[in-house]
């Protein structure tokens, strides 16, 4: 059986990451601006049934994934590989989920966006198409 290890601060018992984010709010703001941070915000909006905002934020995330990479991102890719394609499909799945709750105009935008996918998405592409077909 594997044991779960959680780093905690001795004083208040919060996990170390949460403790750091409380004391250094600029880190939280910096993380929220990343693609992964935006994706987390989209999932939170979907859980709270805020489909219009999730649709808007997903569209912005897709645009950021399609934008040319900065010099820092190129250095990151050379070391860790490119995650933008995978994140594109995650944003697209959220885009499709929110569009199914909104209307036909939004669904047409999803069809147009899927038609110009940057790369094959594998399982995420299948999930996206399955969500959109319902």
Foldseek 3Di string as FASTA:
>chain_A
DDDDDFDADPPPGDGPVVVVCVVPVVVVVVCCPDLVNLLVVLVVCVVVVVLVVSLVSLVVSLVVLVDDDDPVVVVVCVPPNDCSLQSNLSSLLSNLLSLVVPDDVSLVVSVVSLVPRPDDHPPSNVSSVVSNVD
